[in-house]
């Protein structure tokens, strides 16, 4: 019997993380940690805030 653990989360719906106060050199690290199996990762501005948005791959 073998056990395995997932090292990366799986998302079924788009996720949004507020990065408004994040240093710009940290955003690349956040993209790497939030990317899930080829999902699309983008920055989005809404109401004066900036979000890192992950959309699952189809």
PDB file of N, CA and C in Angstrom:
ATOM      1  N   UNK A   1       0.843  -1.171   0.000  1.00  0.00           N
ATOM      2  CA  UNK A   1       0.000   0.000   0.000  1.00  0.00           C
ATOM      3  C   UNK A   1       0.889   1.236   0.000  1.00  0.00           C
ATOM      4  N   UNK A   2       0.595   2.186  -0.860  1.00  0.00           N
ATOM      5  CA  UNK A   2       1.404   3.401  -0.904  1.00  0.00           C
ATOM      6  C   UNK A   2       0.527   4.612  -0.625  1.00  0.00           C
ATOM      7  N   UNK A   3       1.142   5.586  -0.080  1.00  0.00           N
ATOM      8  CA  UNK A   3       0.430   6.830   0.210  1.00  0.00           C
ATOM      9  C   UNK A   3       1.127   7.959  -0.530  1.00  0.00           C
ATOM     10  N   UNK A   4       0.344   8.833  -1.074  1.00  0.00           N
ATOM     11  CA  UNK A   4       0.934   9.992  -1.737  1.00  0.00           C
ATOM     12  C   UNK A   4       0.206  11.236  -1.277  1.00  0.00           C
ATOM     13  N   UNK A   5       0.908  12.330  -1.278  1.00  0.00           N
ATOM     14  CA  UNK A   5       0.308  13.595  -0.887  1.00  0.00           C
ATOM     15  C   UNK A   5       0.385  14.557  -2.047  1.00  0.00           C
ATOM     16  N   UNK A   6      -0.571  15.421  -2.118  1.00  0.00           N
ATOM     17  CA  UNK A   6      -0.580  16.446  -3.147  1.00  0.00           C
ATOM     18  C   UNK A   6       0.293  17.602  -2.684  1.00  0.00           C
ATOM     19  N   UNK A   7       1.252  18.005  -3.488  1.00  0.00           N
ATOM     20  CA  UNK A   7       2.094  19.139  -3.130  1.00  0.00           C
ATOM     21  C   UNK A   7       1.502  20.446  -3.622  1.00  0.00           C
ATOM     22  N   UNK A   8       0.557  20.371  -4.536  1.00  0.00           N
ATOM     23  CA  UNK A   8      -0.075  21.568  -5.069  1.00  0.00           C
ATOM     24  C   UNK A   8      -1.585  21.451  -4.919  1.00  0.00           C
ATOM     25  N   UNK A   9      -2.244  22.549  -4.581  1.00  0.00           N
ATOM     26  CA  UNK A   9      -3.697  22.503  -4.449  1.00  0.00           C
ATOM     27  C   UNK A   9      -4.378  22.368  -5.802  1.00  0.00           C
ATOM     28  N   UNK A  10      -5.590  21.876  -5.797  1.00  0.00           N
ATOM     29  CA  UNK A  10      -6.414  21.809  -7.007  1.00  0.00           C
ATOM     30  C   UNK A  10      -7.628  22.686  -6.785  1.00  0.00           C
ATOM     31  N   UNK A  11      -7.926  23.519  -7.746  1.00  0.00           N
ATOM     32  CA  UNK A  11      -9.066  24.422  -7.648  1.00  0.00           C
ATOM     33  C   UNK A  11     -10.092  24.068  -8.711  1.00  0.00           C
ATOM     34  N   UNK A  12     -11.337  24.035  -8.339  1.00  0.00           N
ATOM     35  CA  UNK A  12     -12.405  23.767  -9.292  1.00  0.00           C
ATOM     36  C   UNK A  12     -13.018  25.066  -9.791  1.00  0.00           C
ATOM     37  N   UNK A  13     -12.820  26.134  -9.043  1.00  0.00           N
ATOM     38  CA  UNK A  13     -13.369  27.430  -9.409  1.00  0.00           C
ATOM     39  C   UNK A  13     -12.246  28.462  -9.395  1.00  0.00           C
ATOM     40  N   UNK A  14     -12.454  29.587 -10.044  1.00  0.00           N
ATOM     41  CA  UNK A  14     -11.427  30.631 -10.016  1.00  0.00           C
ATOM     42  C   UNK A  14     -11.141  31.075  -8.579  1.00  0.00           C
ATOM     43  N   UNK A  15      -9.893  31.382  -8.291  1.00  0.00           N
ATOM     44  CA  UNK A  15      -9.513  31.883  -6.971  1.00  0.00           C
ATOM     45  C   UNK A  15      -8.951  33.280  -7.134  1.00  0.00           C
ATOM     46  N   UNK A  16      -9.047  34.072  -6.081  1.00  0.00           N
ATOM     47  CA  UNK A  16      -8.594  35.455  -6.132  1.00  0.00           C
ATOM     48  C   UNK A  16      -7.854  35.766  -4.834  1.00  0.00           C
ATOM     49  N   UNK A  17      -6.625  36.272  -4.952  1.00  0.00           N
ATOM     50  CA  UNK A  17      -5.818  36.628  -3.792  1.00  0.00           C
ATOM     51  C   UNK A  17      -5.456  38.104  -3.890  1.00  0.00           C
ATOM     52  N   UNK A  18      -5.737  38.858  -2.836  1.00  0.00           N
ATOM     53  CA  UNK A  18      -5.447  40.289  -2.808  1.00  0.00           C
ATOM     54  C   UNK A  18      -3.933  40.503  -2.700  1.00  0.00           C
ATOM     55  N   UNK A  19      -3.346  41.173  -3.692  1.00  0.00           N
ATOM     56  CA  UNK A  19      -1.910  41.457  -3.688  1.00  0.00           C
ATOM     57  C   UNK A  19      -1.641  42.961  -3.758  1.00  0.00           C
ATOM     58  N   UNK A  20      -2.613  43.760  -3.356  1.00  0.00           N
ATOM     59  CA  UNK A  20      -2.476  45.213  -3.426  1.00  0.00           C
ATOM     60  C   UNK A  20      -1.265  45.698  -2.645  1.00  0.00           C
ATOM     61  N   UNK A  21      -1.057  45.185  -1.444  1.00  0.00           N
ATOM     62  CA  UNK A  21       0.040  45.642  -0.595  1.00  0.00           C
ATOM     63  C   UNK A  21       1.274  44.756  -0.695  1.00  0.00           C
ATOM     64  N   UNK A  22       1.296  43.851  -1.643  1.00  0.00           N
ATOM     65  CA  UNK A  22       2.409  42.927  -1.825  1.00  0.00           C
ATOM     66  C   UNK A  22       3.547  43.612  -2.588  1.00  0.00           C
ATOM     67  N   UNK A  23       4.777  43.358  -2.174  1.00  0.00           N
ATOM     68  CA  UNK A  23       5.921  43.887  -2.908  1.00  0.00           C
ATOM     69  C   UNK A  23       5.956  43.257  -4.295  1.00  0.00           C
ATOM     70  N   UNK A  24       6.340  44.018  -5.298  1.00  0.00           N
ATOM     71  CA  UNK A  24       6.302  43.526  -6.679  1.00  0.00           C
ATOM     72  C   UNK A  24       7.231  42.342  -6.905  1.00  0.00           C
ATOM     73  N   UNK A  25       8.335  42.247  -6.181  1.00  0.00           N
ATOM     74  CA  UNK A  25       9.233  41.112  -6.372  1.00  0.00           C
ATOM     75  C   UNK A  25       8.682  39.823  -5.778  1.00  0.00           C
ATOM     76  N   UNK A  26       7.627  39.894  -4.979  1.00  0.00           N
ATOM     77  CA  UNK A  26       6.994  38.711  -4.399  1.00  0.00           C
ATOM     78  C   UNK A  26       5.873  38.157  -5.277  1.00  0.00           C
ATOM     79  N   UNK A  27       5.382  38.941  -6.220  1.00  0.00           N
ATOM     80  CA  UNK A  27       4.257  38.497  -7.053  1.00  0.00           C
ATOM     81  C   UNK A  27       4.630  37.275  -7.887  1.00  0.00           C
ATOM     82  N   UNK A  28       5.846  37.235  -8.416  1.00  0.00           N
ATOM     83  CA  UNK A  28       6.275  36.064  -9.204  1.00  0.00           C
ATOM     84  C   UNK A  28       6.252  34.796  -8.350  1.00  0.00           C
ATOM     85  N   UNK A  29       6.649  34.896  -7.079  1.00  0.00           N
ATOM     86  CA  UNK A  29       6.590  33.744  -6.172  1.00  0.00           C
ATOM     87  C   UNK A  29       5.150  33.307  -5.937  1.00  0.00           C
ATOM     88  N   UNK A  30       4.252  34.276  -5.781  1.00  0.00           N
ATOM     89  CA  UNK A  30       2.840  33.946  -5.572  1.00  0.00           C
ATOM     90  C   UNK A  30       2.236  33.277  -6.799  1.00  0.00           C
ATOM     91  N   UNK A  31       2.652  33.708  -7.985  1.00  0.00           N
ATOM     92  CA  UNK A  31       2.166  33.078  -9.221  1.00  0.00           C
ATOM     93  C   UNK A  31       2.582  31.619  -9.252  1.00  0.00           C
ATOM     94  N   UNK A  32       3.849  31.348  -8.929  1.00  0.00           N
ATOM     95  CA  UNK A  32       4.336  29.960  -8.934  1.00  0.00           C
ATOM     96  C   UNK A  32       3.598  29.096  -7.918  1.00  0.00           C
ATOM     97  N   UNK A  33       3.329  29.615  -6.741  1.00  0.00           N
ATOM     98  CA  UNK A  33       2.662  28.808  -5.718  1.00  0.00           C
ATOM     99  C   UNK A  33       1.172  28.639  -5.982  1.00  0.00           C
ATOM    100  N   UNK A  34       0.565  29.537  -6.755  1.00  0.00           N
ATOM    101  CA  UNK A  34      -0.865  29.441  -7.024  1.00  0.00           C
ATOM    102  C   UNK A  34      -1.200  28.824  -8.370  1.00  0.00           C
ATOM    103  N   UNK A  35      -0.198  28.547  -9.192  1.00  0.00           N
ATOM    104  CA  UNK A  35      -0.450  27.931 -10.501  1.00  0.00           C
ATOM    105  C   UNK A  35      -0.801  26.461 -10.291  1.00  0.00           C
ATOM    106  N   UNK A  36      -1.854  26.028 -10.907  1.00  0.00           N
ATOM    107  CA  UNK A  36      -2.333  24.659 -10.744  1.00  0.00           C
ATOM    108  C   UNK A  36      -2.479  24.004 -12.103  1.00  0.00           C
ATOM    109  N   UNK A  37      -1.627  23.037 -12.403  1.00  0.00           N
ATOM    110  CA  UNK A  37      -1.704  22.236 -13.627  1.00  0.00           C
ATOM    111  C   UNK A  37      -2.048  23.038 -14.872  1.00  0.00           C
ATOM    112  N   UNK A  38      -1.238  24.014 -15.163  1.00  0.00           N
ATOM    113  CA  UNK A  38      -1.419  24.784 -16.388  1.00  0.00           C
ATOM    114  C   UNK A  38      -2.554  25.787 -16.355  1.00  0.00           C
ATOM    115  N   UNK A  39      -3.059  26.103 -15.182  1.00  0.00           N
ATOM    116  CA  UNK A  39      -4.147  27.069 -15.107  1.00  0.00           C
ATOM    117  C   UNK A  39      -3.641  28.453 -15.502  1.00  0.00           C
ATOM    118  N   UNK A  40      -4.551  29.311 -15.862  1.00  0.00           N
ATOM    119  CA  UNK A  40      -4.219  30.672 -16.251  1.00  0.00           C
ATOM    120  C   UNK A  40      -4.135  31.532 -14.996  1.00  0.00           C
ATOM    121  N   UNK A  41      -3.048  32.287 -14.861  1.00  0.00           N
ATOM    122  CA  UNK A  41      -2.857  33.178 -13.717  1.00  0.00           C
ATOM    123  C   UNK A  41      -2.700  34.588 -14.256  1.00  0.00           C
ATOM    124  N   UNK A  42      -3.457  35.540 -13.692  1.00  0.00           N
ATOM    125  CA  UNK A  42      -3.413  36.915 -14.187  1.00  0.00           C
ATOM    126  C   UNK A  42      -3.595  37.895 -13.035  1.00  0.00           C
ATOM    127  N   UNK A  43      -3.186  39.133 -13.262  1.00  0.00           N
ATOM    128  CA  UNK A  43      -3.453  40.210 -12.304  1.00  0.00           C
ATOM    129  C   UNK A  43      -4.717  40.926 -12.757  1.00  0.00           C
ATOM    130  N   UNK A  44      -5.529  41.326 -11.795  1.00  0.00           N
ATOM    131  CA  UNK A  44      -6.802  41.978 -12.099  1.00  0.00           C
ATOM    132  C   UNK A  44      -6.984  43.151 -11.145  1.00  0.00           C
ATOM    133  N   UNK A  45      -7.410  44.302 -11.677  1.00  0.00           N
ATOM    134  CA  UNK A  45      -7.669  45.476 -10.845  1.00  0.00           C
ATOM    135  C   UNK A  45      -9.169  45.655 -10.686  1.00  0.00           C
ATOM    136  N   UNK A  46      -9.606  45.829  -9.440  1.00  0.00           N
ATOM    137  CA  UNK A  46     -11.030  46.073  -9.158  1.00  0.00           C
ATOM    138  C   UNK A  46     -11.150  47.019  -7.977  1.00  0.00           C
ATOM    139  N   UNK A  47     -11.808  48.128  -8.187  1.00  0.00           N
ATOM    140  CA  UNK A  47     -12.074  49.064  -7.102  1.00  0.00           C
ATOM    141  C   UNK A  47     -10.828  49.549  -6.381  1.00  0.00           C
ATOM    142  N   UNK A  48      -9.744  49.788  -7.105  1.00  0.00           N
ATOM    143  CA  UNK A  48      -8.524  50.275  -6.488  1.00  0.00           C
ATOM    144  C   UNK A  48      -7.679  49.193  -5.838  1.00  0.00           C
ATOM    145  N   UNK A  49      -8.084  47.949  -5.921  1.00  0.00           N
ATOM    146  CA  UNK A  49      -7.332  46.820  -5.365  1.00  0.00           C
ATOM    147  C   UNK A  49      -6.781  45.985  -6.516  1.00  0.00           C
ATOM    148  N   UNK A  50      -5.704  45.254  -6.259  1.00  0.00           N
ATOM    149  CA  UNK A  50      -5.096  44.377  -7.263  1.00  0.00           C
ATOM    150  C   UNK A  50      -5.192  42.952  -6.758  1.00  0.00           C
ATOM    151  N   UNK A  51      -5.642  42.050  -7.615  1.00  0.00           N
ATOM    152  CA  UNK A  51      -5.821  40.637  -7.242  1.00  0.00           C
ATOM    153  C   UNK A  51      -5.041  39.739  -8.179  1.00  0.00           C
ATOM    154  N   UNK A  52      -4.496  38.681  -7.623  1.00  0.00           N
ATOM    155  CA  UNK A  52      -3.910  37.605  -8.400  1.00  0.00           C
ATOM    156  C   UNK A  52      -5.037  36.594  -8.595  1.00  0.00           C
ATOM    157  N   UNK A  53      -5.401  36.344  -9.854  1.00  0.00           N
ATOM    158  CA  UNK A  53      -6.548  35.491 -10.160  1.00  0.00           C
ATOM    159  C   UNK A  53      -6.069  34.224 -10.850  1.00  0.00           C
ATOM    160  N   UNK A  54      -6.524  33.086 -10.366  1.00  0.00           N
ATOM    161  CA  UNK A  54      -6.210  31.792 -10.982  1.00  0.00           C
ATOM    162  C   UNK A  54      -7.485  31.196 -11.529  1.00  0.00           C
ATOM    163  N   UNK A  55      -7.473  30.908 -12.828  1.00  0.00           N
ATOM    164  CA  UNK A  55      -8.624  30.257 -13.471  1.00  0.00           C
ATOM    165  C   UNK A  55      -8.212  28.851 -13.844  1.00  0.00           C
ATOM    166  N   UNK A  56      -8.997  27.852 -13.452  1.00  0.00           N
ATOM    167  CA  UNK A  56      -8.626  26.457 -13.751  1.00  0.00           C
ATOM    168  C   UNK A  56      -8.571  26.190 -15.247  1.00  0.00           C
ATOM    169  N   UNK A  57      -7.688  25.273 -15.613  1.00  0.00           N
ATOM    170  CA  UNK A  57      -7.586  24.858 -17.007  1.00  0.00           C
ATOM    171  C   UNK A  57      -8.821  24.045 -17.374  1.00  0.00           C
ATOM    172  N   UNK A  58      -9.269  24.230 -18.584  1.00  0.00           N
ATOM    173  CA  UNK A  58     -10.465  23.506 -19.046  1.00  0.00           C
ATOM    174  C   UNK A  58     -10.138  22.091 -19.387  1.00  0.00           C
TER     175      UNK A  58
END
